[in-house]
Structures are given as C-alpha cells and as structure tokens.
Full PDB file with SEQRES, HELIX, SHEET, SSBOND, CRYST1, ORIGX, SCALE, CONECT and MASTER records, all heavy atoms in Angstrom:
SEQRES   1 A   33  ASP THR ALA VAL TYR TYR CYS ALA ALA SER SER GLY SER          
SEQRES   2 A   33  SER TYR ILE ASN THR SER PRO THR SER TYR GLY ALA TRP          
SEQRES   3 A   33  GLY GLN GLY THR GLN VAL THR                                  
HELIX    1 AA1 PRO A   20  SER A   22  5                                   3    
SHEET    1 AA1 2 ALA A   3  TYR A   5  0                                        
SHEET    2 AA1 2 THR A  30  VAL A  32 -1                                        
SHEET    1 AA2 2 ALA A   8  ALA A   9  0                                        
SHEET    2 AA2 2 ALA A  25  TRP A  26 -1                                        
CRYST1    1.000    1.000    1.000  90.00  90.00  90.00 P 1           1          
ORIGX1      1.000000  0.000000  0.000000        0.00000                         
ORIGX2      0.000000  1.000000  0.000000        0.00000                         
ORIGX3      0.000000  0.000000  1.000000        0.00000                         
SCALE1      1.000000  0.000000  0.000000        0.00000                         
SCALE2      0.000000  1.000000  0.000000        0.00000                         
SCALE3      0.000000  0.000000  1.000000        0.00000                         
ATOM      1  N   ASP A   1      -5.819  16.113   4.914  1.00  0.00           N  
ATOM      2  CA  ASP A   1      -6.312  15.019   5.757  1.00  0.00           C  
ATOM      3  C   ASP A   1      -7.834  15.028   5.846  1.00  0.00           C  
ATOM      4  O   ASP A   1      -8.423  14.109   6.422  1.00  0.00           O  
ATOM      5  CB  ASP A   1      -5.731  15.112   7.171  1.00  0.00           C  
ATOM      6  CG  ASP A   1      -4.232  14.903   7.200  1.00  0.00           C  
ATOM      7  OD1 ASP A   1      -3.733  14.000   6.508  1.00  0.00           O  
ATOM      8  OD2 ASP A   1      -3.554  15.647   7.947  1.00  0.00           O  
ATOM      9  N   THR A   2      -8.449  16.063   5.298  1.00  0.00           N  
ATOM     10  CA  THR A   2      -9.910  16.155   5.315  1.00  0.00           C  
ATOM     11  C   THR A   2     -10.530  14.983   4.565  1.00  0.00           C  
ATOM     12  O   THR A   2     -10.191  14.727   3.398  1.00  0.00           O  
ATOM     13  CB  THR A   2     -10.368  17.481   4.687  1.00  0.00           C  
ATOM     14  OG1 THR A   2      -9.915  18.568   5.505  1.00  0.00           O  
ATOM     15  CG2 THR A   2     -11.880  17.528   4.563  1.00  0.00           C  
ATOM     16  N   ALA A   3     -11.402  14.256   5.251  1.00  0.00           N  
ATOM     17  CA  ALA A   3     -12.016  13.056   4.660  1.00  0.00           C  
ATOM     18  C   ALA A   3     -13.009  12.482   5.664  1.00  0.00           C  
ATOM     19  O   ALA A   3     -13.044  12.892   6.827  1.00  0.00           O  
ATOM     20  CB  ALA A   3     -10.958  12.012   4.343  1.00  0.00           C  
ATOM     21  N   VAL A   4     -13.780  11.514   5.190  1.00  0.00           N  
ATOM     22  CA  VAL A   4     -14.540  10.669   6.102  1.00  0.00           C  
ATOM     23  C   VAL A   4     -13.631   9.508   6.483  1.00  0.00           C  
ATOM     24  O   VAL A   4     -13.065   8.856   5.601  1.00  0.00           O  
ATOM     25  CB  VAL A   4     -15.835  10.143   5.450  1.00  0.00           C  
ATOM     26  CG1 VAL A   4     -16.568   9.204   6.416  1.00  0.00           C  
ATOM     27  CG2 VAL A   4     -16.734  11.306   5.038  1.00  0.00           C  
ATOM     28  N   TYR A   5     -13.478   9.287   7.765  1.00  0.00           N  
ATOM     29  CA  TYR A   5     -12.598   8.235   8.263  1.00  0.00           C  
ATOM     30  C   TYR A   5     -13.435   7.037   8.688  1.00  0.00           C  
ATOM     31  O   TYR A   5     -14.427   7.179   9.410  1.00  0.00           O  
ATOM     32  CB  TYR A   5     -11.772   8.753   9.440  1.00  0.00           C  
ATOM     33  CG  TYR A   5     -10.634   9.642   9.001  1.00  0.00           C  
ATOM     34  CD1 TYR A   5     -10.875  10.917   8.486  1.00  0.00           C  
ATOM     35  CD2 TYR A   5      -9.306   9.194   9.055  1.00  0.00           C  
ATOM     36  CE1 TYR A   5      -9.839  11.719   8.046  1.00  0.00           C  
ATOM     37  CE2 TYR A   5      -8.262   9.996   8.627  1.00  0.00           C  
ATOM     38  CZ  TYR A   5      -8.526  11.257   8.122  1.00  0.00           C  
ATOM     39  OH  TYR A   5      -7.495  12.051   7.690  1.00  0.00           O  
ATOM     40  N   TYR A   6     -13.003   5.864   8.226  1.00  0.00           N  
ATOM     41  CA  TYR A   6     -13.734   4.624   8.486  1.00  0.00           C  
ATOM     42  C   TYR A   6     -12.858   3.636   9.253  1.00  0.00           C  
ATOM     43  O   TYR A   6     -11.666   3.483   8.962  1.00  0.00           O  
ATOM     44  CB  TYR A   6     -14.147   3.955   7.179  1.00  0.00           C  
ATOM     45  CG  TYR A   6     -15.109   4.743   6.347  1.00  0.00           C  
ATOM     46  CD1 TYR A   6     -14.656   5.628   5.379  1.00  0.00           C  
ATOM     47  CD2 TYR A   6     -16.483   4.596   6.510  1.00  0.00           C  
ATOM     48  CE1 TYR A   6     -15.536   6.349   4.596  1.00  0.00           C  
ATOM     49  CE2 TYR A   6     -17.385   5.313   5.726  1.00  0.00           C  
ATOM     50  CZ  TYR A   6     -16.893   6.185   4.778  1.00  0.00           C  
ATOM     51  OH  TYR A   6     -17.784   6.890   3.997  1.00  0.00           O  
ATOM     52  N   CYS A   7     -13.471   2.936  10.174  1.00  0.00           N  
ATOM     53  CA  CYS A   7     -12.847   1.816  10.859  1.00  0.00           C  
ATOM     54  C   CYS A   7     -13.237   0.543  10.110  1.00  0.00           C  
ATOM     55  O   CYS A   7     -14.381   0.426   9.627  1.00  0.00           O  
ATOM     56  CB  CYS A   7     -13.375   1.771  12.299  1.00  0.00           C  
ATOM     57  SG  CYS A   7     -12.715   0.455  13.313  1.00  0.00           S  
ATOM     58  N   ALA A   8     -12.307  -0.407  10.012  1.00  0.00           N  
ATOM     59  CA  ALA A   8     -12.583  -1.638   9.283  1.00  0.00           C  
ATOM     60  C   ALA A   8     -11.904  -2.814   9.964  1.00  0.00           C  
ATOM     61  O   ALA A   8     -10.906  -2.642  10.667  1.00  0.00           O  
ATOM     62  CB  ALA A   8     -12.092  -1.511   7.845  1.00  0.00           C  
ATOM     63  N   ALA A   9     -12.455  -4.006   9.729  1.00  0.00           N  
ATOM     64  CA  ALA A   9     -11.889  -5.219  10.311  1.00  0.00           C  
ATOM     65  C   ALA A   9     -11.758  -6.297   9.245  1.00  0.00           C  
ATOM     66  O   ALA A   9     -12.595  -6.392   8.344  1.00  0.00           O  
ATOM     67  CB  ALA A   9     -12.774  -5.727  11.453  1.00  0.00           C  
ATOM     68  N   SER A  10     -10.702  -7.094   9.373  1.00  0.00           N  
ATOM     69  CA  SER A  10     -10.521  -8.221   8.465  1.00  0.00           C  
ATOM     70  C   SER A  10     -10.050  -9.424   9.274  1.00  0.00           C  
ATOM     71  O   SER A  10      -9.679  -9.285  10.446  1.00  0.00           O  
ATOM     72  CB  SER A  10      -9.485  -7.897   7.383  1.00  0.00           C  
ATOM     73  OG  SER A  10      -8.191  -7.840   7.941  1.00  0.00           O  
ATOM     74  N   SER A  11     -10.054 -10.584   8.661  1.00  0.00           N  
ATOM     75  CA  SER A  11      -9.585 -11.783   9.333  1.00  0.00           C  
ATOM     76  C   SER A  11      -8.147 -11.586   9.790  1.00  0.00           C  
ATOM     77  O   SER A  11      -7.366 -10.912   9.128  1.00  0.00           O  
ATOM     78  CB  SER A  11      -9.657 -12.969   8.374  1.00  0.00           C  
ATOM     79  OG  SER A  11     -10.984 -13.196   7.977  1.00  0.00           O  
ATOM     80  N   GLY A  12      -7.848 -12.170  10.924  1.00  0.00           N  
ATOM     81  CA  GLY A  12      -6.538 -11.976  11.515  1.00  0.00           C  
ATOM     82  C   GLY A  12      -5.409 -12.526  10.685  1.00  0.00           C  
ATOM     83  O   GLY A  12      -5.502 -13.596  10.098  1.00  0.00           O  
ATOM     84  N   SER A  13      -4.331 -11.787  10.603  1.00  0.00           N  
ATOM     85  CA  SER A  13      -3.154 -12.183   9.844  1.00  0.00           C  
ATOM     86  C   SER A  13      -1.984 -11.345  10.311  1.00  0.00           C  
ATOM     87  O   SER A  13      -2.155 -10.212  10.770  1.00  0.00           O  
ATOM     88  CB  SER A  13      -3.396 -11.938   8.347  1.00  0.00           C  
ATOM     89  OG  SER A  13      -2.201 -12.098   7.611  1.00  0.00           O  
ATOM     90  N   SER A  14      -0.783 -11.894  10.160  1.00  0.00           N  
ATOM     91  CA  SER A  14       0.403 -11.085  10.470  1.00  0.00           C  
ATOM     92  C   SER A  14       0.660 -10.072   9.360  1.00  0.00           C  
ATOM     93  O   SER A  14       1.378  -9.097   9.559  1.00  0.00           O  
ATOM     94  CB  SER A  14       1.620 -11.988  10.654  1.00  0.00           C  
ATOM     95  OG  SER A  14       1.858 -12.749   9.483  1.00  0.00           O  
ATOM     96  N   TYR A  15       0.062 -10.305   8.181  1.00  0.00           N  
ATOM     97  CA  TYR A  15       0.210  -9.381   7.062  1.00  0.00           C  
ATOM     98  C   TYR A  15      -0.926  -8.368   7.097  1.00  0.00           C  
ATOM     99  O   TYR A  15      -2.083  -8.725   7.244  1.00  0.00           O  
ATOM    100  CB  TYR A  15       0.179 -10.133   5.733  1.00  0.00           C  
ATOM    101  CG  TYR A  15       0.209  -9.216   4.528  1.00  0.00           C  
ATOM    102  CD1 TYR A  15       1.376  -8.534   4.180  1.00  0.00           C  
ATOM    103  CD2 TYR A  15      -0.939  -9.001   3.761  1.00  0.00           C  
ATOM    104  CE1 TYR A  15       1.397  -7.676   3.100  1.00  0.00           C  
ATOM    105  CE2 TYR A  15      -0.920  -8.137   2.676  1.00  0.00           C  
ATOM    106  CZ  TYR A  15       0.255  -7.481   2.353  1.00  0.00           C  
ATOM    107  OH  TYR A  15       0.281  -6.613   1.290  1.00  0.00           O  
ATOM    108  N   ILE A  16      -0.586  -7.102   6.955  1.00  0.00           N  
ATOM    109  CA  ILE A  16      -1.577  -6.035   6.954  1.00  0.00           C  
ATOM    110  C   ILE A  16      -1.847  -5.618   5.519  1.00  0.00           C  
ATOM    111  O   ILE A  16      -0.978  -5.035   4.851  1.00  0.00           O  
ATOM    112  CB  ILE A  16      -1.101  -4.824   7.789  1.00  0.00           C  
ATOM    113  CG1 ILE A  16      -0.976  -5.230   9.259  1.00  0.00           C  
ATOM    114  CG2 ILE A  16      -2.088  -3.674   7.626  1.00  0.00           C  
ATOM    115  CD1 ILE A  16      -0.402  -4.143  10.150  1.00  0.00           C  
ATOM    116  N   ASN A  17      -3.044  -5.915   5.054  1.00  0.00           N  
ATOM    117  CA  ASN A  17      -3.423  -5.556   3.696  1.00  0.00           C  
ATOM    118  C   ASN A  17      -3.910  -4.124   3.664  1.00  0.00           C  
ATOM    119  O   ASN A  17      -4.632  -3.689   4.554  1.00  0.00           O  
ATOM    120  CB  ASN A  17      -4.518  -6.510   3.207  1.00  0.00           C  
ATOM    121  CG  ASN A  17      -4.597  -6.579   1.701  1.00  0.00           C  
ATOM    122  OD1 ASN A  17      -4.667  -5.560   1.036  1.00  0.00           O  
ATOM    123  ND2 ASN A  17      -4.553  -7.783   1.175  1.00  0.00           N  
ATOM    124  N   THR A  18      -3.514  -3.386   2.651  1.00  0.00           N  
ATOM    125  CA  THR A  18      -3.917  -1.984   2.564  1.00  0.00           C  
ATOM    126  C   THR A  18      -5.065  -1.758   1.587  1.00  0.00           C  
ATOM    127  O   THR A  18      -5.496  -0.625   1.392  1.00  0.00           O  
ATOM    128  CB  THR A  18      -2.731  -1.101   2.142  1.00  0.00           C  
ATOM    129  OG1 THR A  18      -2.293  -1.507   0.845  1.00  0.00           O  
ATOM    130  CG2 THR A  18      -1.593  -1.202   3.125  1.00  0.00           C  
ATOM    131  N   SER A  19      -5.555  -2.823   0.969  1.00  0.00           N  
ATOM    132  CA  SER A  19      -6.680  -2.677   0.050  1.00  0.00           C  
ATOM    133  C   SER A  19      -7.997  -2.746   0.807  1.00  0.00           C  
ATOM    134  O   SER A  19      -8.220  -3.674   1.590  1.00  0.00           O  
ATOM    135  CB  SER A  19      -6.651  -3.787  -0.996  1.00  0.00           C  
ATOM    136  OG  SER A  19      -7.861  -3.787  -1.742  1.00  0.00           O  
ATOM    137  N   PRO A  20      -8.904  -1.794   0.573  1.00  0.00           N  
ATOM    138  CA  PRO A  20     -10.194  -1.840   1.266  1.00  0.00           C  
ATOM    139  C   PRO A  20     -11.000  -3.091   0.940  1.00  0.00           C  
ATOM    140  O   PRO A  20     -11.846  -3.512   1.742  1.00  0.00           O  
ATOM    141  CB  PRO A  20     -10.911  -0.571   0.811  1.00  0.00           C  
ATOM    142  CG  PRO A  20     -10.187  -0.104  -0.396  1.00  0.00           C  
ATOM    143  CD  PRO A  20      -8.787  -0.595  -0.273  1.00  0.00           C  
ATOM    144  N   THR A  21     -10.746  -3.716  -0.195  1.00  0.00           N  
ATOM    145  CA  THR A  21     -11.506  -4.912  -0.564  1.00  0.00           C  
ATOM    146  C   THR A  21     -11.158  -6.102   0.323  1.00  0.00           C  
ATOM    147  O   THR A  21     -11.886  -7.103   0.320  1.00  0.00           O  
ATOM    148  CB  THR A  21     -11.273  -5.282  -2.036  1.00  0.00           C  
ATOM    149  OG1 THR A  21      -9.875  -5.539  -2.229  1.00  0.00           O  
ATOM    150  CG2 THR A  21     -11.705  -4.162  -2.963  1.00  0.00           C  
ATOM    151  N   SER A  22     -10.089  -5.999   1.081  1.00  0.00           N  
ATOM    152  CA  SER A  22      -9.696  -7.083   1.982  1.00  0.00           C  
ATOM    153  C   SER A  22     -10.392  -7.014   3.327  1.00  0.00           C  
ATOM    154  O   SER A  22     -10.217  -7.904   4.153  1.00  0.00           O  
ATOM    155  CB  SER A  22      -8.181  -7.049   2.213  1.00  0.00           C  
ATOM    156  OG  SER A  22      -7.492  -7.271   1.001  1.00  0.00           O  
ATOM    157  N   TYR A  23     -11.152  -5.980   3.559  1.00  0.00           N  
ATOM    158  CA  TYR A  23     -11.819  -5.770   4.834  1.00  0.00           C  
ATOM    159  C   TYR A  23     -13.318  -5.981   4.673  1.00  0.00           C  
ATOM    160  O   TYR A  23     -13.947  -5.339   3.821  1.00  0.00           O  
ATOM    161  CB  TYR A  23     -11.498  -4.374   5.375  1.00  0.00           C  
ATOM    162  CG  TYR A  23     -10.039  -4.246   5.761  1.00  0.00           C  
ATOM    163  CD1 TYR A  23      -9.059  -4.032   4.792  1.00  0.00           C  
ATOM    164  CD2 TYR A  23      -9.627  -4.380   7.089  1.00  0.00           C  
ATOM    165  CE1 TYR A  23      -7.716  -3.960   5.129  1.00  0.00           C  
ATOM    166  CE2 TYR A  23      -8.280  -4.297   7.432  1.00  0.00           C  
ATOM    167  CZ  TYR A  23      -7.343  -4.087   6.448  1.00  0.00           C  
ATOM    168  OH  TYR A  23      -6.016  -4.019   6.779  1.00  0.00           O  
ATOM    169  N   GLY A  24     -13.863  -6.870   5.487  1.00  0.00           N  
ATOM    170  CA  GLY A  24     -15.266  -7.251   5.306  1.00  0.00           C  
ATOM    171  C   GLY A  24     -16.238  -6.529   6.212  1.00  0.00           C  
ATOM    172  O   GLY A  24     -17.452  -6.592   5.996  1.00  0.00           O  
ATOM    173  N   ALA A  25     -15.731  -5.850   7.228  1.00  0.00           N  
ATOM    174  CA  ALA A  25     -16.615  -5.149   8.159  1.00  0.00           C  
ATOM    175  C   ALA A  25     -16.202  -3.694   8.236  1.00  0.00           C  
ATOM    176  O   ALA A  25     -15.001  -3.396   8.331  1.00  0.00           O  
ATOM    177  CB  ALA A  25     -16.549  -5.793   9.533  1.00  0.00           C  
ATOM    178  N   TRP A  26     -17.189  -2.812   8.228  1.00  0.00           N  
ATOM    179  CA  TRP A  26     -16.923  -1.376   8.199  1.00  0.00           C  
ATOM    180  C   TRP A  26     -17.857  -0.644   9.160  1.00  0.00           C  
ATOM    181  O   TRP A  26     -19.009  -1.051   9.364  1.00  0.00           O  
ATOM    182  CB  TRP A  26     -17.157  -0.822   6.793  1.00  0.00           C  
ATOM    183  CG  TRP A  26     -16.161  -1.323   5.796  1.00  0.00           C  
ATOM    184  CD1 TRP A  26     -16.230  -2.484   5.076  1.00  0.00           C  
ATOM    185  CD2 TRP A  26     -14.943  -0.684   5.423  1.00  0.00           C  
ATOM    186  NE1 TRP A  26     -15.117  -2.616   4.274  1.00  0.00           N  
ATOM    187  CE2 TRP A  26     -14.318  -1.515   4.469  1.00  0.00           C  
ATOM    188  CE3 TRP A  26     -14.324   0.504   5.796  1.00  0.00           C  
ATOM    189  CZ2 TRP A  26     -13.090  -1.187   3.887  1.00  0.00           C  
ATOM    190  CZ3 TRP A  26     -13.108   0.835   5.222  1.00  0.00           C  
ATOM    191  CH2 TRP A  26     -12.504  -0.012   4.270  1.00  0.00           C  
ATOM    192  N   GLY A  27     -17.338   0.454   9.697  1.00  0.00           N  
ATOM    193  CA  GLY A  27     -18.179   1.357  10.453  1.00  0.00           C  
ATOM    194  C   GLY A  27     -18.865   2.336   9.518  1.00  0.00           C  
ATOM    195  O   GLY A  27     -18.688   2.290   8.296  1.00  0.00           O  
ATOM    196  N   GLN A  28     -19.631   3.256  10.104  1.00  0.00           N  
ATOM    197  CA  GLN A  28     -20.414   4.196   9.301  1.00  0.00           C  
ATOM    198  C   GLN A  28     -19.593   5.411   8.877  1.00  0.00           C  
ATOM    199  O   GLN A  28     -20.026   6.173   8.008  1.00  0.00           O  
ATOM    200  CB  GLN A  28     -21.658   4.650  10.080  1.00  0.00           C  
ATOM    201  CG  GLN A  28     -21.445   5.772  11.095  1.00  0.00           C  
ATOM    202  CD  GLN A  28     -20.658   5.336  12.329  1.00  0.00           C  
ATOM    203  OE1 GLN A  28     -20.389   4.169  12.545  1.00  0.00           O  
ATOM    204  NE2 GLN A  28     -20.295   6.318  13.165  1.00  0.00           N  
ATOM    205  N   GLY A  29     -18.441   5.612   9.493  1.00  0.00           N  
ATOM    206  CA  GLY A  29     -17.571   6.728   9.149  1.00  0.00           C  
ATOM    207  C   GLY A  29     -17.786   7.941  10.026  1.00  0.00           C  
ATOM    208  O   GLY A  29     -18.875   8.156  10.580  1.00  0.00           O  
ATOM    209  N   THR A  30     -16.740   8.738  10.158  1.00  0.00           N  
ATOM    210  CA  THR A  30     -16.815   9.991  10.896  1.00  0.00           C  
ATOM    211  C   THR A  30     -16.053  11.049  10.110  1.00  0.00           C  
ATOM    212  O   THR A  30     -14.961  10.805   9.610  1.00  0.00           O  
ATOM    213  CB  THR A  30     -16.273   9.825  12.334  1.00  0.00           C  
ATOM    214  OG1 THR A  30     -16.464  11.043  13.064  1.00  0.00           O  
ATOM    215  CG2 THR A  30     -14.789   9.463  12.368  1.00  0.00           C  
ATOM    216  N   GLN A  31     -16.641  12.228   9.990  1.00  0.00           N  
ATOM    217  CA  GLN A  31     -16.055  13.291   9.161  1.00  0.00           C  
ATOM    218  C   GLN A  31     -14.963  14.036   9.915  1.00  0.00           C  
ATOM    219  O   GLN A  31     -15.156  14.459  11.068  1.00  0.00           O  
ATOM    220  CB  GLN A  31     -17.147  14.281   8.741  1.00  0.00           C  
ATOM    221  CG  GLN A  31     -16.642  15.487   7.962  1.00  0.00           C  
ATOM    222  CD  GLN A  31     -16.187  15.126   6.553  1.00  0.00           C  
ATOM    223  OE1 GLN A  31     -16.875  14.411   5.835  1.00  0.00           O  
ATOM    224  NE2 GLN A  31     -15.024  15.637   6.154  1.00  0.00           N  
ATOM    225  N   VAL A  32     -13.835  14.211   9.253  1.00  0.00           N  
ATOM    226  CA  VAL A  32     -12.750  15.042   9.759  1.00  0.00           C  
ATOM    227  C   VAL A  32     -12.516  16.149   8.744  1.00  0.00           C  
ATOM    228  O   VAL A  32     -12.296  15.874   7.563  1.00  0.00           O  
ATOM    229  CB  VAL A  32     -11.463  14.223   9.968  1.00  0.00           C  
ATOM    230  CG1 VAL A  32     -10.292  15.149  10.291  1.00  0.00           C  
ATOM    231  CG2 VAL A  32     -11.652  13.201  11.073  1.00  0.00           C  
ATOM    232  N   THR A  33     -12.591  17.383   9.208  1.00  0.00           N  
ATOM    233  CA  THR A  33     -12.368  18.533   8.336  1.00  0.00           C  
ATOM    234  C   THR A  33     -11.263  19.388   8.926  1.00  0.00           C  
ATOM    235  O   THR A  33     -11.337  19.796  10.093  1.00  0.00           O  
ATOM    236  CB  THR A  33     -13.641  19.374   8.186  1.00  0.00           C  
ATOM    237  OG1 THR A  33     -14.699  18.537   7.675  1.00  0.00           O  
ATOM    238  CG2 THR A  33     -13.415  20.520   7.225  1.00  0.00           C  
TER     239      THR A  33                                                      
MASTER        0    0    0    1    4    0    0    6  238    1    0    3          
END                                                                             
C-alpha cells in the first residue's frame, strides 16, 4: 500500500471512472509508507 496518495475530482456522474485521465483536478499528494 506504500505510495503517494492523491485526491481527485471529476464532473458528477452516477458512473465512477477508474482512469486517472477522467479526473481534471488533483491535490498535491500525501506519502503513505
């Protein structure tokens, strides 16, 4: 599970896309080790 974890936002939809390219806004990330 070690990784940099990012929060992301995309336009609202009942379908949840799992591709990062579908998300237009991102946080700076936080490291989890």
